[in-house]
Amino acid sequence: MTQSGNESGEARAALDETTAYGRAAAGRIPESAPWYEAMWLGAIGGLVISMVLPIPFNVLSIALVTFGLGRIMTAYQERYGVWVSGYRAGRTRTIAVLLAVFVCTVMLTVFYLRQAHGLIWPGFVGAAVTVVAGFVGGRVWMRAYRKSVSAE
């Protein structure tokens, strides 16, 4: 099945419009937003620390942090007019997935150490490590995002 010249032109125009929107969105996003970074890094640390809390407080804290993350994303979108998911095509997806796997691994390790050995201190160490990894990962992700958008 072949496309007519008009359909092909419409598809090209739609693709160009999408690319222009992506570039415009990237232009609205600041290189760093300290309030946003502090909140989402605090949420990541909170997720890790929640692993040392007794049941049901750990489950409640995970729910609260997850709700908080949603509110943080909404506030970012309201302030800048756009919020870009970390799980987008290209290198940014790889960075986001690696960071998520890292955070989940630390969470599970902290949970295991709490349950098997009664240790609480790994929660604080794990939170600190994930906050630093999140900060670095966020900067690397933003650099990759800006590079991918400028290359489109």
N, C-alpha and C. Protein backbone atom coordinates (compact mmCIF):
# COMPACT_ATOMS: atom_id res chain seq x y z
N MET A 1 0.84 -1.16 0.00
CA MET A 1 0.00 0.00 0.00
C MET A 1 0.90 1.24 0.00
N THR A 2 0.63 2.15 -0.86
CA THR A 2 1.46 3.34 -0.97
C THR A 2 0.70 4.55 -0.46
N GLN A 3 1.46 5.52 -0.02
CA GLN A 3 0.85 6.74 0.45
C GLN A 3 0.85 7.77 -0.67
N SER A 4 -0.17 8.56 -0.70
CA SER A 4 -0.19 9.64 -1.68
C SER A 4 0.76 10.73 -1.20
N GLY A 5 1.12 11.61 -2.09
CA GLY A 5 2.02 12.70 -1.75
C GLY A 5 1.46 13.55 -0.63
N ASN A 6 0.14 13.75 -0.61
CA ASN A 6 -0.49 14.57 0.42
C ASN A 6 -0.38 13.91 1.79
N GLU A 7 -0.62 12.60 1.87
CA GLU A 7 -0.51 11.88 3.14
C GLU A 7 0.93 11.90 3.65
N SER A 8 1.87 11.73 2.74
CA SER A 8 3.28 11.76 3.11
C SER A 8 3.65 13.14 3.64
N GLY A 9 3.15 14.18 2.97
CA GLY A 9 3.41 15.54 3.42
C GLY A 9 2.81 15.81 4.79
N GLU A 10 1.62 15.29 5.02
CA GLU A 10 0.98 15.46 6.33
C GLU A 10 1.77 14.74 7.41
N ALA A 11 2.26 13.56 7.09
CA ALA A 11 3.06 12.80 8.06
C ALA A 11 4.35 13.55 8.37
N ARG A 12 4.99 14.10 7.35
CA ARG A 12 6.24 14.86 7.55
C ARG A 12 5.96 16.10 8.40
N ALA A 13 4.85 16.78 8.14
CA ALA A 13 4.50 17.97 8.90
C ALA A 13 4.24 17.62 10.37
N ALA A 14 3.56 16.51 10.59
CA ALA A 14 3.29 16.07 11.97
C ALA A 14 4.58 15.72 12.69
N LEU A 15 5.50 15.05 11.98
CA LEU A 15 6.78 14.69 12.57
C LEU A 15 7.60 15.95 12.88
N ASP A 16 7.60 16.89 11.96
CA ASP A 16 8.32 18.15 12.19
C ASP A 16 7.73 18.91 13.38
N GLU A 17 6.41 18.89 13.49
CA GLU A 17 5.75 19.56 14.60
C GLU A 17 6.12 18.91 15.94
N THR A 18 6.18 17.59 15.95
CA THR A 18 6.56 16.87 17.16
C THR A 18 8.00 17.18 17.55
N THR A 19 8.89 17.21 16.57
CA THR A 19 10.29 17.53 16.82
C THR A 19 10.43 18.95 17.37
N ALA A 20 9.70 19.89 16.77
CA ALA A 20 9.74 21.28 17.23
C ALA A 20 9.21 21.39 18.65
N TYR A 21 8.16 20.64 18.96
CA TYR A 21 7.61 20.67 20.31
C TYR A 21 8.64 20.14 21.31
N GLY A 22 9.32 19.05 20.94
CA GLY A 22 10.35 18.48 21.82
C GLY A 22 11.47 19.47 22.09
N ARG A 23 11.90 20.18 21.06
CA ARG A 23 12.96 21.18 21.25
C ARG A 23 12.47 22.34 22.11
N ALA A 24 11.24 22.76 21.88
CA ALA A 24 10.68 23.85 22.68
C ALA A 24 10.56 23.43 24.14
N ALA A 25 10.14 22.19 24.36
CA ALA A 25 10.01 21.68 25.73
C ALA A 25 11.38 21.65 26.40
N ALA A 26 12.39 21.19 25.67
CA ALA A 26 13.74 21.14 26.23
C ALA A 26 14.23 22.53 26.59
N GLY A 27 13.81 23.53 25.82
CA GLY A 27 14.20 24.90 26.10
C GLY A 27 13.56 25.45 27.36
N ARG A 28 12.40 24.93 27.73
CA ARG A 28 11.70 25.39 28.94
C ARG A 28 12.22 24.73 30.21
N ILE A 29 12.90 23.62 30.05
CA ILE A 29 13.38 22.89 31.21
C ILE A 29 14.72 23.47 31.64
N PRO A 30 14.82 23.87 32.90
CA PRO A 30 16.10 24.44 33.37
C PRO A 30 17.16 23.35 33.47
N GLU A 31 18.41 23.77 33.40
CA GLU A 31 19.53 22.83 33.54
C GLU A 31 19.44 22.10 34.87
N SER A 32 19.08 22.83 35.90
CA SER A 32 18.82 22.21 37.20
C SER A 32 17.77 23.05 37.91
N ALA A 33 16.94 22.38 38.66
CA ALA A 33 15.92 23.04 39.48
C ALA A 33 16.16 22.55 40.90
N PRO A 34 16.88 23.33 41.71
CA PRO A 34 17.26 22.86 43.05
C PRO A 34 16.08 22.39 43.90
N TRP A 35 14.95 23.07 43.85
CA TRP A 35 13.79 22.65 44.64
C TRP A 35 13.32 21.26 44.21
N TYR A 36 13.32 21.01 42.89
CA TYR A 36 12.87 19.73 42.36
C TYR A 36 13.86 18.63 42.73
N GLU A 37 15.15 18.92 42.54
CA GLU A 37 16.17 17.92 42.86
C GLU A 37 16.14 17.56 44.34
N ALA A 38 15.99 18.56 45.20
CA ALA A 38 15.95 18.29 46.64
C ALA A 38 14.76 17.41 46.99
N MET A 39 13.63 17.69 46.37
CA MET A 39 12.42 16.91 46.69
C MET A 39 12.50 15.48 46.17
N TRP A 40 12.93 15.29 44.91
CA TRP A 40 12.92 13.92 44.41
C TRP A 40 14.07 13.11 44.98
N LEU A 41 15.20 13.77 45.29
CA LEU A 41 16.28 13.04 45.96
C LEU A 41 15.88 12.67 47.38
N GLY A 42 15.14 13.56 48.04
CA GLY A 42 14.60 13.23 49.36
C GLY A 42 13.63 12.06 49.29
N ALA A 43 12.85 12.02 48.22
CA ALA A 43 11.91 10.90 48.04
C ALA A 43 12.66 9.59 47.83
N ILE A 44 13.72 9.63 47.05
CA ILE A 44 14.52 8.41 46.83
C ILE A 44 15.11 7.94 48.16
N GLY A 45 15.69 8.88 48.90
CA GLY A 45 16.23 8.53 50.22
C GLY A 45 15.15 8.00 51.15
N GLY A 46 13.96 8.61 51.07
CA GLY A 46 12.84 8.14 51.89
C GLY A 46 12.42 6.73 51.56
N LEU A 47 12.44 6.40 50.27
CA LEU A 47 12.10 5.03 49.88
C LEU A 47 13.07 4.02 50.48
N VAL A 48 14.35 4.37 50.48
CA VAL A 48 15.36 3.45 51.03
C VAL A 48 15.20 3.34 52.55
N ILE A 49 15.05 4.47 53.23
CA ILE A 49 14.91 4.44 54.68
C ILE A 49 13.64 3.70 55.10
N SER A 50 12.61 3.78 54.27
CA SER A 50 11.36 3.10 54.63
C SER A 50 11.55 1.59 54.77
N MET A 51 12.59 1.06 54.20
CA MET A 51 12.84 -0.38 54.28
C MET A 51 13.21 -0.84 55.68
N VAL A 52 13.64 0.07 56.55
CA VAL A 52 14.00 -0.33 57.91
C VAL A 52 12.86 -0.12 58.90
N LEU A 53 11.77 0.50 58.45
CA LEU A 53 10.63 0.72 59.33
C LEU A 53 9.85 -0.58 59.52
N PRO A 54 9.22 -0.74 60.67
CA PRO A 54 8.40 -1.94 60.88
C PRO A 54 7.12 -1.87 60.04
N ILE A 55 6.60 -3.06 59.75
CA ILE A 55 5.32 -3.14 59.04
C ILE A 55 4.25 -2.65 60.00
N PRO A 56 3.31 -1.89 59.67
CA PRO A 56 2.85 -1.39 58.38
C PRO A 56 3.44 -0.02 58.01
N PHE A 57 4.34 0.51 58.85
CA PHE A 57 4.87 1.85 58.60
C PHE A 57 5.71 1.91 57.32
N ASN A 58 6.40 0.81 57.00
CA ASN A 58 7.17 0.83 55.76
C ASN A 58 6.25 0.89 54.54
N VAL A 59 5.16 0.16 54.57
CA VAL A 59 4.21 0.18 53.45
C VAL A 59 3.56 1.55 53.34
N LEU A 60 3.17 2.12 54.47
CA LEU A 60 2.56 3.44 54.47
C LEU A 60 3.54 4.51 53.97
N SER A 61 4.79 4.40 54.38
CA SER A 61 5.76 5.41 53.94
C SER A 61 6.04 5.29 52.45
N ILE A 62 6.05 4.08 51.92
CA ILE A 62 6.24 3.90 50.47
C ILE A 62 5.06 4.53 49.73
N ALA A 63 3.86 4.31 50.23
CA ALA A 63 2.68 4.91 49.59
C ALA A 63 2.75 6.43 49.66
N LEU A 64 3.15 6.96 50.79
CA LEU A 64 3.26 8.40 50.96
C LEU A 64 4.32 9.00 50.04
N VAL A 65 5.47 8.36 49.96
CA VAL A 65 6.54 8.85 49.08
C VAL A 65 6.11 8.76 47.62
N THR A 66 5.45 7.69 47.25
CA THR A 66 4.97 7.54 45.87
C THR A 66 3.97 8.64 45.53
N PHE A 67 3.06 8.92 46.44
CA PHE A 67 2.12 10.02 46.24
C PHE A 67 2.88 11.34 46.12
N GLY A 68 3.87 11.52 46.97
CA GLY A 68 4.68 12.74 46.94
C GLY A 68 5.41 12.90 45.62
N LEU A 69 5.93 11.81 45.07
CA LEU A 69 6.60 11.88 43.76
C LEU A 69 5.64 12.36 42.68
N GLY A 70 4.41 11.88 42.73
CA GLY A 70 3.40 12.33 41.77
C GLY A 70 3.14 13.82 41.91
N ARG A 71 3.07 14.30 43.14
CA ARG A 71 2.85 15.73 43.37
C ARG A 71 4.05 16.55 42.90
N ILE A 72 5.26 16.02 43.11
CA ILE A 72 6.46 16.72 42.65
C ILE A 72 6.44 16.87 41.13
N MET A 73 6.08 15.79 40.43
CA MET A 73 6.02 15.85 38.96
C MET A 73 4.96 16.86 38.51
N THR A 74 3.82 16.88 39.19
CA THR A 74 2.76 17.83 38.84
C THR A 74 3.23 19.27 39.07
N ALA A 75 3.90 19.53 40.17
CA ALA A 75 4.39 20.87 40.46
C ALA A 75 5.43 21.30 39.42
N TYR A 76 6.28 20.38 39.01
CA TYR A 76 7.29 20.68 37.99
C TYR A 76 6.61 21.05 36.68
N GLN A 77 5.62 20.27 36.30
CA GLN A 77 4.90 20.52 35.05
C GLN A 77 4.16 21.86 35.12
N GLU A 78 3.57 22.18 36.24
CA GLU A 78 2.87 23.45 36.39
C GLU A 78 3.84 24.62 36.30
N ARG A 79 5.03 24.45 36.85
CA ARG A 79 6.02 25.54 36.86
C ARG A 79 6.66 25.76 35.50
N TYR A 80 7.03 24.67 34.82
CA TYR A 80 7.79 24.79 33.58
C TYR A 80 6.97 24.46 32.33
N GLY A 81 5.75 24.01 32.51
CA GLY A 81 4.90 23.72 31.36
C GLY A 81 5.13 22.36 30.73
N VAL A 82 6.06 21.60 31.28
CA VAL A 82 6.36 20.28 30.73
C VAL A 82 7.06 19.45 31.81
N TRP A 83 6.83 18.16 31.76
CA TRP A 83 7.60 17.22 32.58
C TRP A 83 7.92 16.06 31.66
N VAL A 84 9.19 15.73 31.54
CA VAL A 84 9.62 14.69 30.62
C VAL A 84 9.90 13.42 31.42
N SER A 85 9.26 12.35 31.03
CA SER A 85 9.50 11.07 31.68
C SER A 85 10.92 10.61 31.43
N GLY A 86 11.54 10.06 32.45
CA GLY A 86 12.88 9.51 32.27
C GLY A 86 12.88 8.29 31.37
N TYR A 87 11.73 7.66 31.25
CA TYR A 87 11.62 6.44 30.46
C TYR A 87 11.19 6.80 29.05
N ARG A 88 12.10 7.39 28.31
CA ARG A 88 11.86 7.74 26.91
C ARG A 88 12.91 7.04 26.07
N ALA A 89 12.70 7.01 24.79
CA ALA A 89 13.60 6.26 23.91
C ALA A 89 15.01 6.82 23.95
N GLY A 90 15.97 5.93 23.74
CA GLY A 90 17.36 6.34 23.63
C GLY A 90 18.16 6.15 24.90
N ARG A 91 19.25 6.89 24.98
CA ARG A 91 20.19 6.76 26.09
C ARG A 91 19.54 7.14 27.43
N THR A 92 18.59 8.07 27.38
CA THR A 92 17.93 8.48 28.62
C THR A 92 17.21 7.31 29.28
N ARG A 93 16.63 6.44 28.48
CA ARG A 93 15.94 5.27 29.04
C ARG A 93 16.94 4.37 29.76
N THR A 94 18.09 4.15 29.15
CA THR A 94 19.11 3.31 29.76
C THR A 94 19.54 3.88 31.10
N ILE A 95 19.77 5.19 31.15
CA ILE A 95 20.18 5.84 32.39
C ILE A 95 19.10 5.70 33.45
N ALA A 96 17.85 5.96 33.07
CA ALA A 96 16.74 5.88 34.03
C ALA A 96 16.56 4.46 34.55
N VAL A 97 16.64 3.48 33.68
CA VAL A 97 16.46 2.09 34.09
C VAL A 97 17.61 1.66 35.01
N LEU A 98 18.83 2.01 34.66
CA LEU A 98 19.97 1.66 35.51
C LEU A 98 19.83 2.29 36.90
N LEU A 99 19.42 3.54 36.94
CA LEU A 99 19.24 4.19 38.23
C LEU A 99 18.12 3.52 39.03
N ALA A 100 17.02 3.19 38.38
CA ALA A 100 15.91 2.52 39.06
C ALA A 100 16.33 1.15 39.59
N VAL A 101 17.06 0.40 38.79
CA VAL A 101 17.54 -0.92 39.23
C VAL A 101 18.49 -0.76 40.41
N PHE A 102 19.36 0.25 40.35
CA PHE A 102 20.28 0.49 41.45
C PHE A 102 19.52 0.80 42.74
N VAL A 103 18.56 1.72 42.65
CA VAL A 103 17.78 2.11 43.84
C VAL A 103 17.02 0.90 44.39
N CYS A 104 16.41 0.12 43.53
CA CYS A 104 15.67 -1.07 43.98
C CYS A 104 16.60 -2.09 44.62
N THR A 105 17.79 -2.25 44.07
CA THR A 105 18.77 -3.18 44.64
C THR A 105 19.18 -2.73 46.04
N VAL A 106 19.43 -1.44 46.19
CA VAL A 106 19.78 -0.92 47.52
C VAL A 106 18.61 -1.11 48.48
N MET A 107 17.40 -0.83 48.01
CA MET A 107 16.22 -1.00 48.87
C MET A 107 16.10 -2.46 49.34
N LEU A 108 16.23 -3.39 48.42
CA LEU A 108 16.11 -4.81 48.78
C LEU A 108 17.23 -5.24 49.71
N THR A 109 18.44 -4.73 49.49
CA THR A 109 19.57 -5.06 50.37
C THR A 109 19.30 -4.55 51.78
N VAL A 110 18.84 -3.30 51.87
CA VAL A 110 18.52 -2.72 53.18
C VAL A 110 17.41 -3.51 53.86
N PHE A 111 16.39 -3.87 53.11
CA PHE A 111 15.28 -4.66 53.66
C PHE A 111 15.79 -6.01 54.17
N TYR A 112 16.63 -6.68 53.39
CA TYR A 112 17.19 -7.96 53.81
C TYR A 112 17.99 -7.81 55.10
N LEU A 113 18.87 -6.80 55.14
CA LEU A 113 19.70 -6.61 56.34
C LEU A 113 18.85 -6.30 57.57
N ARG A 114 17.75 -5.62 57.37
CA ARG A 114 16.84 -5.33 58.49
C ARG A 114 16.13 -6.60 58.95
N GLN A 115 15.61 -7.35 58.00
CA GLN A 115 14.83 -8.54 58.34
C GLN A 115 15.71 -9.68 58.85
N ALA A 116 16.83 -9.91 58.20
CA ALA A 116 17.68 -11.07 58.55
C ALA A 116 18.59 -10.79 59.75
N HIS A 117 19.04 -9.55 59.89
CA HIS A 117 20.04 -9.26 60.93
C HIS A 117 19.61 -8.15 61.90
N GLY A 118 18.44 -7.58 61.68
CA GLY A 118 17.94 -6.54 62.57
C GLY A 118 18.70 -5.22 62.49
N LEU A 119 19.43 -5.01 61.42
CA LEU A 119 20.24 -3.80 61.29
C LEU A 119 19.41 -2.64 60.74
N ILE A 120 19.57 -1.49 61.37
CA ILE A 120 18.85 -0.29 60.92
C ILE A 120 19.80 0.66 60.18
N TRP A 121 21.05 0.74 60.61
CA TRP A 121 21.98 1.70 60.04
C TRP A 121 22.17 1.57 58.53
N PRO A 122 22.05 0.37 57.92
CA PRO A 122 22.21 0.32 56.46
C PRO A 122 21.17 1.15 55.71
N GLY A 123 20.03 1.40 56.34
CA GLY A 123 19.02 2.24 55.70
C GLY A 123 19.53 3.65 55.47
N PHE A 124 20.25 4.18 56.44
CA PHE A 124 20.77 5.54 56.32
C PHE A 124 21.94 5.61 55.34
N VAL A 125 22.80 4.60 55.39
CA VAL A 125 23.91 4.54 54.44
C VAL A 125 23.36 4.36 53.02
N GLY A 126 22.41 3.44 52.88
CA GLY A 126 21.80 3.20 51.57
C GLY A 126 21.10 4.43 51.03
N ALA A 127 20.41 5.16 51.92
CA ALA A 127 19.73 6.39 51.49
C ALA A 127 20.75 7.41 51.00
N ALA A 128 21.84 7.57 51.73
CA ALA A 128 22.87 8.53 51.32
C ALA A 128 23.47 8.14 49.97
N VAL A 129 23.74 6.86 49.80
CA VAL A 129 24.33 6.39 48.54
C VAL A 129 23.36 6.60 47.38
N THR A 130 22.08 6.29 47.58
CA THR A 130 21.12 6.47 46.49
C THR A 130 20.87 7.94 46.18
N VAL A 131 20.92 8.80 47.18
CA VAL A 131 20.76 10.23 46.92
C VAL A 131 21.92 10.74 46.07
N VAL A 132 23.13 10.34 46.40
CA VAL A 132 24.29 10.75 45.59
C VAL A 132 24.18 10.17 44.18
N ALA A 133 23.82 8.89 44.08
CA ALA A 133 23.65 8.27 42.76
C ALA A 133 22.53 8.95 41.97
N GLY A 134 21.45 9.32 42.65
CA GLY A 134 20.35 10.01 41.99
C GLY A 134 20.75 11.38 41.50
N PHE A 135 21.55 12.08 42.28
CA PHE A 135 22.03 13.41 41.87
C PHE A 135 22.90 13.29 40.63
N VAL A 136 23.87 12.40 40.68
CA VAL A 136 24.76 12.21 39.53
C VAL A 136 23.97 11.68 38.33
N GLY A 137 23.13 10.68 38.58
CA GLY A 137 22.31 10.11 37.49
C GLY A 137 21.39 11.13 36.87
N GLY A 138 20.82 12.02 37.68
CA GLY A 138 19.95 13.06 37.17
C GLY A 138 20.69 14.02 36.26
N ARG A 139 21.91 14.38 36.63
CA ARG A 139 22.72 15.27 35.79
C ARG A 139 23.11 14.59 34.49
N VAL A 140 23.49 13.32 34.57
CA VAL A 140 23.85 12.57 33.37
C VAL A 140 22.63 12.43 32.46
N TRP A 141 21.47 12.14 33.07
CA TRP A 141 20.24 12.01 32.29
C TRP A 141 19.91 13.31 31.57
N MET A 142 20.00 14.44 32.27
CA MET A 142 19.67 15.74 31.66
C MET A 142 20.61 16.04 30.50
N ARG A 143 21.87 15.75 30.67
CA ARG A 143 22.83 15.97 29.59
C ARG A 143 22.48 15.11 28.38
N ALA A 144 22.14 13.85 28.62
CA ALA A 144 21.76 12.94 27.53
C ALA A 144 20.46 13.40 26.87
N TYR A 145 19.52 13.88 27.67
CA TYR A 145 18.24 14.36 27.13
C TYR A 145 18.47 15.57 26.23
N ARG A 146 19.21 16.53 26.69
CA ARG A 146 19.47 17.73 25.88
C ARG A 146 20.21 17.37 24.60
N LYS A 147 21.14 16.46 24.69
CA LYS A 147 21.89 16.03 23.50
C LYS A 147 20.97 15.35 22.51
N SER A 148 20.07 14.47 22.99
CA SER A 148 19.17 13.75 22.09
C SER A 148 18.16 14.68 21.44
N VAL A 149 17.68 15.67 22.18
CA VAL A 149 16.71 16.61 21.63
C VAL A 149 17.36 17.51 20.60
N SER A 150 18.59 17.93 20.87
CA SER A 150 19.27 18.81 19.91
C SER A 150 19.65 18.05 18.64
N ALA A 151 19.80 16.73 18.74
CA ALA A 151 20.17 15.93 17.56
C ALA A 151 18.97 15.58 16.70
N GLU A 152 17.75 15.74 17.24
CA GLU A 152 16.55 15.37 16.48
C GLU A 152 16.28 16.34 15.37
